[in-house]
PDB file of all heavy atoms in Angstrom:
ATOM      1  N   VAL A   1     -78.383  24.209  -9.924  1.00  0.00           N
ATOM      2  CA  VAL A   1     -77.428  23.145 -10.232  1.00  0.00           C
ATOM      3  C   VAL A   1     -77.411  22.185  -9.046  1.00  0.00           C
ATOM      4  O   VAL A   1     -77.042  22.562  -7.940  1.00  0.00           O
ATOM      5  CB  VAL A   1     -76.016  23.711 -10.495  1.00  0.00           C
ATOM      6  CG1 VAL A   1     -75.057  22.585 -10.867  1.00  0.00           C
ATOM      7  CG2 VAL A   1     -76.063  24.762 -11.600  1.00  0.00           C
ATOM      8  N   GLU A   2     -77.814  20.964  -9.288  1.00  0.00           N
ATOM      9  CA  GLU A   2     -77.981  20.008  -8.196  1.00  0.00           C
ATOM     10  C   GLU A   2     -76.703  19.285  -7.814  1.00  0.00           C
ATOM     11  O   GLU A   2     -76.555  18.847  -6.680  1.00  0.00           O
ATOM     12  CB  GLU A   2     -79.050  18.975  -8.584  1.00  0.00           C
ATOM     13  CG  GLU A   2     -80.428  19.582  -8.821  1.00  0.00           C
ATOM     14  CD  GLU A   2     -81.457  18.539  -9.219  1.00  0.00           C
ATOM     15  OE1 GLU A   2     -81.037  17.380  -9.511  1.00  0.00           O
ATOM     16  OE2 GLU A   2     -82.655  18.871  -9.240  1.00  0.00           O
ATOM     17  N   ARG A   3     -75.764  19.149  -8.755  1.00  0.00           N
ATOM     18  CA  ARG A   3     -74.573  18.359  -8.480  1.00  0.00           C
ATOM     19  C   ARG A   3     -73.416  19.230  -8.014  1.00  0.00           C
ATOM     20  O   ARG A   3     -73.190  20.343  -8.515  1.00  0.00           O
ATOM     21  CB  ARG A   3     -74.155  17.565  -9.722  1.00  0.00           C
ATOM     22  CG  ARG A   3     -75.278  16.702 -10.271  1.00  0.00           C
ATOM     23  CD  ARG A   3     -74.811  15.810 -11.398  1.00  0.00           C
ATOM     24  NE  ARG A   3     -73.928  14.751 -10.912  1.00  0.00           N
ATOM     25  CZ  ARG A   3     -73.429  13.801 -11.688  1.00  0.00           C
ATOM     26  NH1 ARG A   3     -73.733  13.769 -12.984  1.00  0.00           N
ATOM     27  NH2 ARG A   3     -72.629  12.882 -11.185  1.00  0.00           N
ATOM     28  N   GLY A   4     -72.670  18.730  -7.046  1.00  0.00           N
ATOM     29  CA  GLY A   4     -71.543  19.451  -6.484  1.00  0.00           C
ATOM     30  C   GLY A   4     -70.239  19.116  -7.181  1.00  0.00           C
ATOM     31  O   GLY A   4     -70.205  18.419  -8.205  1.00  0.00           O
ATOM     32  N   PRO A   5     -69.120  19.587  -6.636  1.00  0.00           N
ATOM     33  CA  PRO A   5     -67.824  19.441  -7.302  1.00  0.00           C
ATOM     34  C   PRO A   5     -67.346  18.004  -7.436  1.00  0.00           C
ATOM     35  O   PRO A   5     -66.524  17.703  -8.306  1.00  0.00           O
ATOM     36  CB  PRO A   5     -66.885  20.249  -6.413  1.00  0.00           C
ATOM     37  CG  PRO A   5     -67.542  20.251  -5.063  1.00  0.00           C
ATOM     38  CD  PRO A   5     -69.008  20.308  -5.355  1.00  0.00           C
ATOM     39  N   GLU A   6     -67.871  17.105  -6.598  1.00  0.00           N
ATOM     40  CA  GLU A   6     -67.451  15.711  -6.696  1.00  0.00           C
ATOM     41  C   GLU A   6     -67.808  15.102  -8.058  1.00  0.00           C
ATOM     42  O   GLU A   6     -67.218  14.111  -8.486  1.00  0.00           O
ATOM     43  CB  GLU A   6     -68.070  14.887  -5.571  1.00  0.00           C
ATOM     44  CG  GLU A   6     -69.578  14.774  -5.599  1.00  0.00           C
ATOM     45  CD  GLU A   6     -70.297  16.011  -5.052  1.00  0.00           C
ATOM     46  OE1 GLU A   6     -69.616  16.903  -4.492  1.00  0.00           O
ATOM     47  OE2 GLU A   6     -71.538  16.063  -5.191  1.00  0.00           O
ATOM     48  N   ALA A   7     -68.777  15.704  -8.763  1.00  0.00           N
ATOM     49  CA  ALA A   7     -69.163  15.206 -10.087  1.00  0.00           C
ATOM     50  C   ALA A   7     -68.029  15.364 -11.096  1.00  0.00           C
ATOM     51  O   ALA A   7     -68.004  14.665 -12.121  1.00  0.00           O
ATOM     52  CB  ALA A   7     -70.409  15.933 -10.579  1.00  0.00           C
ATOM     53  N   LEU A   8     -67.088  16.264 -10.827  1.00  0.00           N
ATOM     54  CA  LEU A   8     -65.961  16.442 -11.749  1.00  0.00           C
ATOM     55  C   LEU A   8     -65.143  15.159 -11.888  1.00  0.00           C
ATOM     56  O   LEU A   8     -64.498  14.939 -12.916  1.00  0.00           O
ATOM     57  CB  LEU A   8     -65.056  17.583 -11.264  1.00  0.00           C
ATOM     58  CG  LEU A   8     -65.643  18.995 -11.304  1.00  0.00           C
ATOM     59  CD1 LEU A   8     -64.664  19.985 -10.697  1.00  0.00           C
ATOM     60  CD2 LEU A   8     -65.993  19.402 -12.738  1.00  0.00           C
ATOM     61  N   ALA A   9     -65.174  14.333 -10.876  1.00  0.00           N
ATOM     62  CA  ALA A   9     -64.409  13.077 -10.916  1.00  0.00           C
ATOM     63  C   ALA A   9     -64.936  12.121 -11.975  1.00  0.00           C
ATOM     64  O   ALA A   9     -64.227  11.199 -12.392  1.00  0.00           O
ATOM     65  CB  ALA A   9     -64.441  12.406  -9.548  1.00  0.00           C
ATOM     66  N   GLU A  10     -66.178  12.319 -12.432  1.00  0.00           N
ATOM     67  CA  GLU A  10     -66.773  11.445 -13.441  1.00  0.00           C
ATOM     68  C   GLU A  10     -66.489  11.907 -14.863  1.00  0.00           C
ATOM     69  O   GLU A  10     -66.794  11.195 -15.826  1.00  0.00           O
ATOM     70  CB  GLU A  10     -68.290  11.383 -13.242  1.00  0.00           C
ATOM     71  CG  GLU A  10     -68.733  10.943 -11.853  1.00  0.00           C
ATOM     72  CD  GLU A  10     -70.234  11.085 -11.684  1.00  0.00           C
ATOM     73  OE1 GLU A  10     -70.937  11.200 -12.708  1.00  0.00           O
ATOM     74  OE2 GLU A  10     -70.693  11.098 -10.529  1.00  0.00           O
ATOM     75  N   ALA A  11     -65.921  13.113 -14.999  1.00  0.00           N
ATOM     76  CA  ALA A  11     -65.825  13.751 -16.315  1.00  0.00           C
ATOM     77  C   ALA A  11     -64.603  13.300 -17.098  1.00  0.00           C
ATOM     78  O   ALA A  11     -63.512  13.106 -16.544  1.00  0.00           O
ATOM     79  CB  ALA A  11     -65.802  15.268 -16.155  1.00  0.00           C
ATOM     80  N   ASP A  12     -64.791  13.152 -18.410  1.00  0.00           N
ATOM     81  CA  ASP A  12     -63.688  12.972 -19.342  1.00  0.00           C
ATOM     82  C   ASP A  12     -63.227  14.323 -19.892  1.00  0.00           C
ATOM     83  O   ASP A  12     -62.070  14.479 -20.273  1.00  0.00           O
ATOM     84  CB  ASP A  12     -64.123  12.089 -20.514  1.00  0.00           C
ATOM     85  CG  ASP A  12     -64.640  10.741 -20.046  1.00  0.00           C
ATOM     86  OD1 ASP A  12     -63.882  10.013 -19.383  1.00  0.00           O
ATOM     87  OD2 ASP A  12     -65.812  10.423 -20.324  1.00  0.00           O
ATOM     88  N   THR A  13     -64.159  15.268 -19.953  1.00  0.00           N
ATOM     89  CA  THR A  13     -63.878  16.638 -20.377  1.00  0.00           C
ATOM     90  C   THR A  13     -64.578  17.581 -19.408  1.00  0.00           C
ATOM     91  O   THR A  13     -65.725  17.341 -19.028  1.00  0.00           O
ATOM     92  CB  THR A  13     -64.385  16.899 -21.810  1.00  0.00           C
ATOM     93  OG1 THR A  13     -63.630  16.110 -22.727  1.00  0.00           O
ATOM     94  CG2 THR A  13     -64.259  18.367 -22.195  1.00  0.00           C
ATOM     95  N   ILE A  14     -63.905  18.667 -19.018  1.00  0.00           N
ATOM     96  CA  ILE A  14     -64.495  19.686 -18.148  1.00  0.00           C
ATOM     97  C   ILE A  14     -64.502  21.005 -18.905  1.00  0.00           C
ATOM     98  O   ILE A  14     -63.466  21.452 -19.408  1.00  0.00           O
ATOM     99  CB  ILE A  14     -63.708  19.826 -16.831  1.00  0.00           C
ATOM    100  CG1 ILE A  14     -63.767  18.525 -16.036  1.00  0.00           C
ATOM    101  CG2 ILE A  14     -64.257  20.992 -16.000  1.00  0.00           C
ATOM    102  CD1 ILE A  14     -62.875  18.515 -14.798  1.00  0.00           C
ATOM    103  N   VAL A  15     -65.680  21.625 -18.990  1.00  0.00           N
ATOM    104  CA  VAL A  15     -65.844  22.908 -19.674  1.00  0.00           C
ATOM    105  C   VAL A  15     -66.132  23.987 -18.631  1.00  0.00           C
ATOM    106  O   VAL A  15     -67.010  23.808 -17.780  1.00  0.00           O
ATOM    107  CB  VAL A  15     -66.999  22.861 -20.692  1.00  0.00           C
ATOM    108  CG1 VAL A  15     -67.096  24.189 -21.436  1.00  0.00           C
ATOM    109  CG2 VAL A  15     -66.817  21.713 -21.669  1.00  0.00           C
ATOM    110  N   VAL A  16     -65.408  25.099 -18.713  1.00  0.00           N
ATOM    111  CA  VAL A  16     -65.626  26.233 -17.811  1.00  0.00           C
ATOM    112  C   VAL A  16     -66.141  27.404 -18.646  1.00  0.00           C
ATOM    113  O   VAL A  16     -65.362  28.057 -19.347  1.00  0.00           O
ATOM    114  CB  VAL A  16     -64.336  26.638 -17.079  1.00  0.00           C
ATOM    115  CG1 VAL A  16     -64.631  27.757 -16.078  1.00  0.00           C
ATOM    116  CG2 VAL A  16     -63.719  25.441 -16.364  1.00  0.00           C
ATOM    117  N   PRO A  17     -67.452  27.677 -18.611  1.00  0.00           N
ATOM    118  CA  PRO A  17     -67.988  28.839 -19.340  1.00  0.00           C
ATOM    119  C   PRO A  17     -67.606  30.140 -18.633  1.00  0.00           C
ATOM    120  O   PRO A  17     -67.159  30.139 -17.482  1.00  0.00           O
ATOM    121  CB  PRO A  17     -69.507  28.622 -19.302  1.00  0.00           C
ATOM    122  CG  PRO A  17     -69.703  27.229 -18.791  1.00  0.00           C
ATOM    123  CD  PRO A  17     -68.511  26.907 -17.962  1.00  0.00           C
ATOM    124  N   THR A  18     -67.829  31.239 -19.322  1.00  0.00           N
ATOM    125  CA  THR A  18     -67.474  32.538 -18.767  1.00  0.00           C
ATOM    126  C   THR A  18     -68.386  32.934 -17.613  1.00  0.00           C
ATOM    127  O   THR A  18     -69.525  32.488 -17.502  1.00  0.00           O
ATOM    128  CB  THR A  18     -67.540  33.620 -19.858  1.00  0.00           C
ATOM    129  OG1 THR A  18     -67.023  34.848 -19.348  1.00  0.00           O
ATOM    130  CG2 THR A  18     -68.971  33.841 -20.328  1.00  0.00           C
ATOM    131  N   SER A  19     -67.845  33.790 -16.752  1.00  0.00           N
ATOM    132  CA  SER A  19     -68.597  34.324 -15.620  1.00  0.00           C
ATOM    133  C   SER A  19     -68.150  35.758 -15.388  1.00  0.00           C
ATOM    134  O   SER A  19     -66.981  36.103 -15.612  1.00  0.00           O
ATOM    135  CB  SER A  19     -68.345  33.492 -14.360  1.00  0.00           C
ATOM    136  OG  SER A  19     -68.779  34.182 -13.206  1.00  0.00           O
ATOM    137  N   TYR A  20     -69.075  36.593 -14.932  1.00  0.00           N
ATOM    138  CA  TYR A  20     -68.735  37.974 -14.600  1.00  0.00           C
ATOM    139  C   TYR A  20     -68.397  38.140 -13.131  1.00  0.00           C
ATOM    140  O   TYR A  20     -68.214  39.257 -12.658  1.00  0.00           O
ATOM    141  CB  TYR A  20     -69.894  38.912 -14.966  1.00  0.00           C
ATOM    142  CG  TYR A  20     -69.955  39.243 -16.436  1.00  0.00           C
ATOM    143  CD1 TYR A  20     -71.171  39.445 -17.071  1.00  0.00           C
ATOM    144  CD2 TYR A  20     -68.799  39.382 -17.190  1.00  0.00           C
ATOM    145  CE1 TYR A  20     -71.239  39.765 -18.419  1.00  0.00           C
ATOM    146  CE2 TYR A  20     -68.849  39.701 -18.534  1.00  0.00           C
ATOM    147  CZ  TYR A  20     -70.076  39.894 -19.142  1.00  0.00           C
ATOM    148  OH  TYR A  20     -70.134  40.210 -20.483  1.00  0.00           O
ATOM    149  N   GLU A  21     -68.312  37.035 -12.399  1.00  0.00           N
ATOM    150  CA  GLU A  21     -67.983  37.109 -10.978  1.00  0.00           C
ATOM    151  C   GLU A  21     -66.855  36.134 -10.664  1.00  0.00           C
ATOM    152  O   GLU A  21     -66.976  35.259  -9.804  1.00  0.00           O
ATOM    153  CB  GLU A  21     -69.227  36.786 -10.128  1.00  0.00           C
ATOM    154  CG  GLU A  21     -70.372  37.774 -10.314  1.00  0.00           C
ATOM    155  CD  GLU A  21     -71.603  37.400  -9.493  1.00  0.00           C
ATOM    156  OE1 GLU A  21     -71.455  36.625  -8.526  1.00  0.00           O
ATOM    157  OE2 GLU A  21     -72.688  37.893  -9.814  1.00  0.00           O
ATOM    158  N   LEU A  22     -65.731  36.314 -11.332  1.00  0.00           N
ATOM    159  CA  LEU A  22     -64.604  35.411 -11.145  1.00  0.00           C
ATOM    160  C   LEU A  22     -63.754  35.763  -9.924  1.00  0.00           C
ATOM    161  O   LEU A  22     -62.879  34.992  -9.534  1.00  0.00           O
ATOM    162  CB  LEU A  22     -63.722  35.410 -12.397  1.00  0.00           C
ATOM    163  CG  LEU A  22     -64.346  34.777 -13.646  1.00  0.00           C
ATOM    164  CD1 LEU A  22     -63.429  34.979 -14.848  1.00  0.00           C
ATOM    165  CD2 LEU A  22     -64.612  33.295 -13.422  1.00  0.00           C
ATOM    166  N   GLY A  23     -64.004  36.934  -9.344  1.00  0.00           N
ATOM    167  CA  GLY A  23     -63.317  37.306  -8.101  1.00  0.00           C
ATOM    168  C   GLY A  23     -61.805  37.341  -8.256  1.00  0.00           C
ATOM    169  O   GLY A  23     -61.275  37.906  -9.210  1.00  0.00           O
ATOM    170  N   GLN A  24     -61.113  36.694  -7.319  1.00  0.00           N
ATOM    171  CA  GLN A  24     -59.659  36.794  -7.303  1.00  0.00           C
ATOM    172  C   GLN A  24     -58.996  36.087  -8.470  1.00  0.00           C
ATOM    173  O   GLN A  24     -57.846  36.371  -8.792  1.00  0.00           O
ATOM    174  CB  GLN A  24     -59.116  36.257  -5.978  1.00  0.00           C
ATOM    175  CG  GLN A  24     -59.281  34.767  -5.758  1.00  0.00           C
ATOM    176  CD  GLN A  24     -58.952  34.369  -4.329  1.00  0.00           C
ATOM    177  OE1 GLN A  24     -59.677  34.729  -3.397  1.00  0.00           O
ATOM    178  NE2 GLN A  24     -57.855  33.644  -4.150  1.00  0.00           N
ATOM    179  N   ALA A  25     -59.700  35.196  -9.141  1.00  0.00           N
ATOM    180  CA  ALA A  25     -59.139  34.594 -10.347  1.00  0.00           C
ATOM    181  C   ALA A  25     -58.913  35.665 -11.406  1.00  0.00           C
ATOM    182  O   ALA A  25     -57.948  35.605 -12.177  1.00  0.00           O
ATOM    183  CB  ALA A  25     -60.061  33.505 -10.889  1.00  0.00           C
ATOM    184  N   TYR A  26     -59.791  36.680 -11.428  1.00  0.00           N
ATOM    185  CA  TYR A  26     -59.681  37.768 -12.391  1.00  0.00           C
ATOM    186  C   TYR A  26     -58.789  38.889 -11.883  1.00  0.00           C
ATOM    187  O   TYR A  26     -58.028  39.484 -12.644  1.00  0.00           O
ATOM    188  CB  TYR A  26     -61.066  38.323 -12.712  1.00  0.00           C
ATOM    189  CG  TYR A  26     -61.079  39.388 -13.782  1.00  0.00           C
ATOM    190  CD1 TYR A  26     -61.149  39.039 -15.129  1.00  0.00           C
ATOM    191  CD2 TYR A  26     -61.010  40.739 -13.454  1.00  0.00           C
ATOM    192  CE1 TYR A  26     -61.151  40.009 -16.121  1.00  0.00           C
ATOM    193  CE2 TYR A  26     -61.013  41.715 -14.434  1.00  0.00           C
ATOM    194  CZ  TYR A  26     -61.082  41.352 -15.768  1.00  0.00           C
ATOM    195  OH  TYR A  26     -61.075  42.323 -16.738  1.00  0.00           O
ATOM    196  N   THR A  27     -58.864  39.178 -10.598  1.00  0.00           N
ATOM    197  CA  THR A  27     -58.118  40.321 -10.070  1.00  0.00           C
ATOM    198  C   THR A  27     -56.704  39.978  -9.641  1.00  0.00           C
ATOM    199  O   THR A  27     -55.796  40.797  -9.769  1.00  0.00           O
ATOM    200  CB  THR A  27     -58.870  40.928  -8.874  1.00  0.00           C
ATOM    201  OG1 THR A  27     -59.039  39.917  -7.852  1.00  0.00           O
ATOM    202  CG2 THR A  27     -60.243  41.454  -9.297  1.00  0.00           C
ATOM    203  N   GLU A  28     -56.498  38.767  -9.119  1.00  0.00           N
ATOM    204  CA  GLU A  28     -55.189  38.398  -8.574  1.00  0.00           C
ATOM    205  C   GLU A  28     -54.539  37.224  -9.303  1.00  0.00           C
ATOM    206  O   GLU A  28     -53.357  36.934  -9.083  1.00  0.00           O
ATOM    207  CB  GLU A  28     -55.319  38.053  -7.086  1.00  0.00           C
ATOM    208  CG  GLU A  28     -55.915  39.170  -6.238  1.00  0.00           C
ATOM    209  CD  GLU A  28     -56.201  38.700  -4.823  1.00  0.00           C
ATOM    210  OE1 GLU A  28     -55.653  37.640  -4.421  1.00  0.00           O
ATOM    211  OE2 GLU A  28     -56.959  39.388  -4.113  1.00  0.00           O
ATOM    212  N   GLY A  29     -55.305  36.519 -10.108  1.00  0.00           N
ATOM    213  CA  GLY A  29     -54.749  35.365 -10.795  1.00  0.00           C
ATOM    214  C   GLY A  29     -54.620  34.136  -9.926  1.00  0.00           C
ATOM    215  O   GLY A  29     -53.825  33.236 -10.219  1.00  0.00           O
ATOM    216  N   THR A  30     -55.402  34.079  -8.853  1.00  0.00           N
ATOM    217  CA  THR A  30     -55.393  32.912  -7.962  1.00  0.00           C
ATOM    218  C   THR A  30     -56.825  32.405  -7.787  1.00  0.00           C
ATOM    219  O   THR A  30     -57.791  33.148  -7.964  1.00  0.00           O
ATOM    220  CB  THR A  30     -54.815  33.263  -6.585  1.00  0.00           C
ATOM    221  OG1 THR A  30     -55.595  34.322  -5.993  1.00  0.00           O
ATOM    222  CG2 THR A  30     -53.366  33.699  -6.705  1.00  0.00           C
TER     223      THR A  30
END
């Protein structure tokens, strides 16, 4: 993936697909 997080500023819609390595988002909710 060549583009970094700054590309989110160009988006009208942001899609977050599933991942098996969500870390603390999955374990702690942060």
